[in-house]
Structure formats: structure tokens, C-alpha cells
Amino acid sequence: MTNHGRPTTYTADHALRARMAWEIGATDAQVAFLVGVSESTLARWCARYPAMAEARSAGRDDADTRVTFALYRRAVGYDYSETRVLLPFGAKEPLAVPVTRHKHGETTAAFRWLALRKPAQWSGRAEAEGANHDLADRLAEALANVARAAGDHG
């Protein structure tokens, strides 16, 4: 088979640099710019070179894992340490005091986590649809009762 066209500029270093970029959430366009090729060339490299395909997959997975963990921590809350610098009354030197603080969980993050992990129970759609059907049924029954009552009196 004769290969027509320019020889590739792909090297193993491209896969390494690309993976580091994907790990911090870079898009394909950003990675292509970083390694100095077009998006179509990057896509070809991912199809042709297993190391580049693995770099994309593993880099994106690492980024997704970090975001998932961060969302989970925001949902359930977490403890963290900080150092407070105090100057007690009459002291000549400031005093550094380690303090453990607690960040309470956020309901929006918790809802988002549950909606992604258990969509049937937490998406909000099933409950709303059920509520609409209940409301529609109750409304139809009320209208039927009004019609019957009007027929009894007329």
C-alpha cells in the first residue's frame, strides 16, 4: 500500500501533552491548538494512534472524576482547615491558630447529584407529570360534578 500525502508529525509527546490538557478539562479544539494541529488532524490521530485515543479517554475520565468528587463534596458538605491570625489584647506578636471549619452541604448540588445518579426518582419530571395527571383528573371530576349539578337544577 502506498501512502500518499505528507508524513505525520505525530509523536508520543503529543499524546502526553494532550492528556495533560484533557485532564484539566480542555476541549478538543483547545488540545488541537496546544499540539499545533487542526481538530480534524487531532481526530485522525485519535483514530489512528491508540496512545492518543487512550490519552483522550483517560484524560477526560480523570477530569470527570474530579468534577464528580467536587460536586459530591458540595452536596454533602465537608470539613477544611484554615489558619486564623489573631492579635490578642496586650500581645506583642500575632498568634496563628489552626481552625477546622465545616462547609454545609448545598441542596442544589445534592439535587443535581441525585438527578444524575437516580433520574427516575429525582429528575422532577415524573413527579410533575403525575401531579399534572392528578390535577387533570380532579379537574375533570369537578367539571362533571358541576355539569351533573346543573342538570339536576335545570
Protein backbone atom coordinates (compact mmCIF):
# COMPACT_ATOMS: atom_id res chain seq x y z
CA MET A 1 0.00 0.00 0.00
CA THR A 2 1.42 3.34 -0.99
CA ASN A 3 0.92 6.18 1.45
CA HIS A 4 0.13 9.40 -0.36
CA GLY A 5 0.46 12.73 1.40
CA ARG A 6 2.72 14.28 3.95
CA PRO A 7 4.34 12.19 6.64
CA THR A 8 2.74 12.57 10.06
CA THR A 9 4.15 14.93 12.67
CA TYR A 10 2.67 12.80 15.47
CA THR A 11 4.99 11.84 18.32
CA ALA A 12 4.45 10.21 21.70
CA ASP A 13 4.98 13.64 23.26
CA HIS A 14 1.78 14.84 21.57
CA ALA A 15 -0.25 12.20 23.43
CA LEU A 16 1.37 13.13 26.74
CA ARG A 17 0.73 16.85 26.29
CA ALA A 18 -2.80 16.21 25.07
CA ARG A 19 -3.63 14.01 28.04
CA MET A 20 -2.47 16.68 30.49
CA ALA A 21 -4.71 19.19 28.74
CA TRP A 22 -7.73 16.86 28.69
CA GLU A 23 -7.15 16.14 32.41
CA ILE A 24 -7.74 19.79 33.22
CA GLY A 25 -10.89 19.95 31.12
CA ALA A 26 -9.60 21.20 27.77
CA THR A 27 -11.82 20.76 24.72
CA ASP A 28 -10.65 19.03 21.56
CA ALA A 29 -10.23 22.44 19.91
CA GLN A 30 -8.01 23.60 22.76
CA VAL A 31 -5.94 20.41 22.68
CA ALA A 32 -5.52 20.67 18.90
CA PHE A 33 -4.29 24.25 19.31
CA LEU A 34 -1.92 23.16 22.09
CA VAL A 35 -0.29 20.45 19.99
CA GLY A 36 -0.30 22.62 16.88
CA VAL A 37 -2.71 20.77 14.61
CA SER A 38 -6.27 21.17 13.34
CA GLU A 39 -9.20 19.49 15.06
CA SER A 40 -9.59 17.12 12.13
CA THR A 41 -5.94 16.07 12.43
CA LEU A 42 -6.41 15.52 16.16
CA ALA A 43 -9.46 13.35 15.44
CA ARG A 44 -7.45 11.37 12.87
CA TRP A 45 -4.63 10.88 15.38
CA CYS A 46 -7.13 9.60 17.95
CA ALA A 47 -8.46 7.12 15.41
CA ARG A 48 -5.04 6.06 14.14
CA TYR A 49 -2.84 6.05 17.25
CA PRO A 50 -4.01 4.05 20.29
CA ALA A 51 -1.84 6.15 22.64
CA MET A 52 -3.67 9.32 21.57
CA ALA A 53 -7.08 7.65 21.89
CA GLU A 54 -6.12 6.42 25.36
CA ALA A 55 -4.87 9.91 26.28
CA ARG A 56 -8.24 11.40 25.31
CA SER A 57 -10.27 8.77 27.12
CA ALA A 58 -8.17 8.69 30.29
CA GLY A 59 -7.72 12.46 30.43
CA ARG A 60 -11.44 13.12 30.12
CA ASP A 61 -12.21 10.39 32.67
CA ASP A 62 -9.78 11.96 35.16
CA ALA A 63 -11.37 15.39 34.70
CA ASP A 64 -14.87 13.93 35.06
CA THR A 65 -13.85 12.08 38.24
CA ARG A 66 -12.52 15.26 39.84
CA VAL A 67 -15.69 17.18 38.96
CA THR A 68 -17.85 14.34 40.26
CA PHE A 69 -15.95 14.32 43.55
CA ALA A 70 -16.19 18.12 43.85
CA LEU A 71 -19.95 18.03 43.20
CA TYR A 72 -20.36 15.25 45.75
CA ARG A 73 -18.41 17.22 48.37
CA ARG A 74 -20.56 20.28 47.74
CA ALA A 75 -23.70 18.15 48.03
CA VAL A 76 -22.85 16.52 51.38
CA GLY A 77 -20.60 19.15 52.93
CA TYR A 78 -17.03 18.82 54.14
CA ASP A 79 -14.52 19.96 56.75
CA TYR A 80 -11.45 22.01 55.97
CA SER A 81 -8.64 23.57 57.97
CA GLU A 82 -7.51 27.14 57.91
CA THR A 83 -5.17 29.25 59.99
CA ARG A 84 -6.58 32.32 61.73
CA VAL A 85 -4.14 35.03 62.71
CA LEU A 86 -5.12 36.74 65.94
CA LEU A 87 -3.62 39.56 67.92
CA PRO A 88 -4.83 39.07 71.49
CA PHE A 89 -5.23 42.18 73.63
CA GLY A 90 -1.87 43.13 75.06
CA ALA A 91 0.13 40.71 72.90
CA LYS A 92 3.18 41.95 71.05
CA GLU A 93 3.17 39.22 68.40
CA PRO A 94 0.31 37.86 66.29
CA LEU A 95 -0.82 34.35 67.11
CA ALA A 96 -1.53 31.76 64.37
CA VAL A 97 -4.35 29.43 65.40
CA PRO A 98 -5.38 26.38 63.33
CA VAL A 99 -9.16 26.17 62.96
CA THR A 100 -11.33 23.41 61.49
CA ARG A 101 -14.32 24.78 59.62
CA HIS A 102 -17.32 22.98 58.18
CA LYS A 103 -18.91 23.79 54.84
CA HIS A 104 -22.54 22.67 54.91
CA GLY A 105 -23.94 20.68 52.02
CA GLU A 106 -25.82 22.57 49.33
CA THR A 107 -29.27 21.40 48.37
CA THR A 108 -28.84 22.41 44.72
CA ALA A 109 -25.69 20.32 44.40
CA ALA A 110 -27.38 17.41 46.21
CA PHE A 111 -30.39 17.59 43.91
CA ARG A 112 -28.16 17.73 40.84
CA TRP A 113 -26.13 14.73 42.07
CA LEU A 114 -29.27 12.68 42.71
CA ALA A 115 -30.90 13.72 39.42
CA LEU A 116 -27.84 12.43 37.55
CA ARG A 117 -27.40 9.27 39.59
CA LYS A 118 -31.09 8.32 40.03
CA PRO A 119 -33.01 10.14 37.31
CA ALA A 120 -36.20 8.11 37.71
CA GLN A 121 -36.62 9.23 41.32
CA TRP A 122 -35.01 12.68 41.25
CA SER A 123 -35.36 14.27 37.82
CA GLY A 124 -38.51 16.09 38.94
CA ARG A 125 -40.26 15.19 35.70
CA ALA A 126 -42.07 12.06 36.87
CA GLU A 127 -43.45 13.82 39.92
CA ALA A 128 -44.59 16.81 37.89
CA GLU A 129 -46.22 14.61 35.25
CA GLY A 130 -48.01 12.60 37.94
CA ALA A 131 -49.13 15.80 39.64
CA ASN A 132 -50.47 17.11 36.32
CA HIS A 133 -52.43 13.91 35.74
CA ASP A 134 -53.86 14.06 39.26
CA LEU A 135 -54.81 17.70 38.76
CA ALA A 136 -56.32 16.97 35.35
CA ASP A 137 -58.33 14.05 36.78
CA ARG A 138 -59.55 16.14 39.70
CA LEU A 139 -60.48 18.99 37.37
CA ALA A 140 -62.40 16.66 35.04
CA GLU A 141 -64.24 15.17 38.01
CA ALA A 142 -65.09 18.63 39.35
CA LEU A 143 -66.43 19.72 35.94
CA ALA A 144 -68.50 16.54 35.70
CA ASN A 145 -69.93 17.24 39.17
CA VAL A 146 -70.79 20.81 38.14
CA ALA A 147 -72.45 19.56 34.96
CA ARG A 148 -74.48 16.98 36.92
CA ALA A 149 -75.49 19.59 39.47
CA ALA A 150 -76.55 21.99 36.70
CA GLY A 151 -78.54 19.19 35.05
CA ASP A 152 -80.32 18.38 38.35
CA HIS A 153 -81.39 22.01 38.76
CA GLY A 154 -82.34 22.76 35.18
